[in-house]
Amino acid sequence: KPKLTIQRAVRIPAGSRPEMKLSMERLGLTAAGEAPGLLPGDRIVSINGKPTRYMPLGDARGMIQSAKEGVELLIHRDLRVARE
């Protein structure tokens, strides 16, 4: 099936961040579990405007957990396109 990749910004307010499950996959930093605005498999391409490419996983987790004003994530989400 063909796929479509969308890009969107996700804002997670301070104090409402659950323990976000992240992993480093071949295509980059990936959400491994659900969180507000995120689905498993979403690729996080920036955290508060800082690109995540080549960012160590521990640094990404630290940036998300230590953000006092909340965190702005730019994500890529792959969608499957169904034809009728």
Protein backbone atom coordinates (compact mmCIF):
# COMPACT_ATOMS: atom_id res chain seq x y z
CA LYS A 1 0.00 0.00 0.00
CA PRO A 2 1.22 3.51 -0.71
CA LYS A 3 2.07 5.70 2.26
CA LEU A 4 1.82 9.39 2.95
CA THR A 5 4.02 11.16 5.49
CA ILE A 6 2.56 14.16 7.29
CA GLN A 7 4.45 16.68 9.40
CA ARG A 8 2.89 18.39 12.38
CA ALA A 9 3.84 20.27 15.50
CA VAL A 10 2.81 18.79 18.84
CA ARG A 11 2.89 20.91 22.00
CA ILE A 12 2.99 19.09 25.31
CA PRO A 13 2.38 21.46 28.24
CA ALA A 14 4.62 21.43 31.30
CA GLY A 15 3.29 19.21 34.05
CA SER A 16 1.24 17.04 31.69
CA ARG A 17 4.11 15.02 30.25
CA PRO A 18 3.86 11.35 31.04
CA GLU A 19 7.00 9.25 30.93
CA MET A 20 7.42 9.28 27.16
CA LYS A 21 8.68 6.04 25.68
CA LEU A 22 11.26 6.80 23.00
CA SER A 23 13.56 4.64 20.92
CA MET A 24 16.25 5.29 18.35
CA GLU A 25 15.29 3.54 15.13
CA ARG A 26 16.94 3.42 11.72
CA LEU A 27 14.92 6.46 10.59
CA GLY A 28 15.58 8.47 13.77
CA LEU A 29 14.07 9.23 17.17
CA THR A 30 10.75 7.39 17.37
CA ALA A 31 7.84 7.36 19.81
CA ALA A 32 7.62 3.82 21.19
CA GLY A 33 4.36 4.44 23.08
CA GLU A 34 1.42 6.81 23.10
CA ALA A 35 1.67 10.27 24.64
CA PRO A 36 -0.47 13.40 24.21
CA GLY A 37 -0.47 14.09 20.46
CA LEU A 38 1.84 11.17 19.65
CA LEU A 39 1.25 7.67 18.34
CA PRO A 40 3.67 4.76 18.38
CA GLY A 41 5.90 5.00 15.32
CA ASP A 42 5.82 8.81 15.05
CA ARG A 43 9.29 10.14 14.24
CA ILE A 44 10.36 13.15 16.30
CA VAL A 45 12.45 15.36 14.03
CA SER A 46 12.95 18.28 16.43
CA ILE A 47 12.55 19.12 20.12
CA ASN A 48 11.96 22.82 20.87
CA GLY A 49 13.40 23.64 17.44
CA LYS A 50 16.57 21.55 17.87
CA PRO A 51 16.94 18.79 15.25
CA THR A 52 17.09 15.28 16.65
CA ARG A 53 19.20 13.85 13.84
CA TYR A 54 22.41 12.46 15.42
CA MET A 55 21.12 13.40 18.90
CA PRO A 56 21.86 10.72 21.51
CA LEU A 57 18.72 9.11 22.95
CA GLY A 58 19.64 10.18 26.50
CA ASP A 59 19.95 13.83 25.41
CA ALA A 60 16.52 13.72 23.76
CA ARG A 61 14.92 12.25 26.88
CA GLY A 62 16.65 14.84 29.06
CA MET A 63 15.47 17.75 26.89
CA ILE A 64 11.86 16.56 27.04
CA GLN A 65 11.84 15.88 30.78
CA SER A 66 13.66 19.08 31.79
CA ALA A 67 11.64 21.55 29.70
CA LYS A 68 10.02 23.86 32.26
CA GLU A 69 7.68 25.64 29.85
CA GLY A 70 6.47 22.53 28.06
CA VAL A 71 7.91 21.01 24.95
CA GLU A 72 7.29 21.57 21.23
CA LEU A 73 7.89 18.51 19.05
CA LEU A 74 7.94 18.43 15.27
CA ILE A 75 6.89 14.96 14.16
CA HIS A 76 6.56 12.94 10.97
CA ARG A 77 3.74 10.39 10.87
CA ASP A 78 3.34 7.79 8.13
CA LEU A 79 -0.21 7.08 6.98
CA ARG A 80 -1.27 4.21 4.76
CA VAL A 81 -3.34 5.27 1.76
CA ALA A 82 -6.22 2.94 0.91
CA ARG A 83 -7.72 2.87 -2.54
CA GLU A 84 -11.29 1.86 -3.20
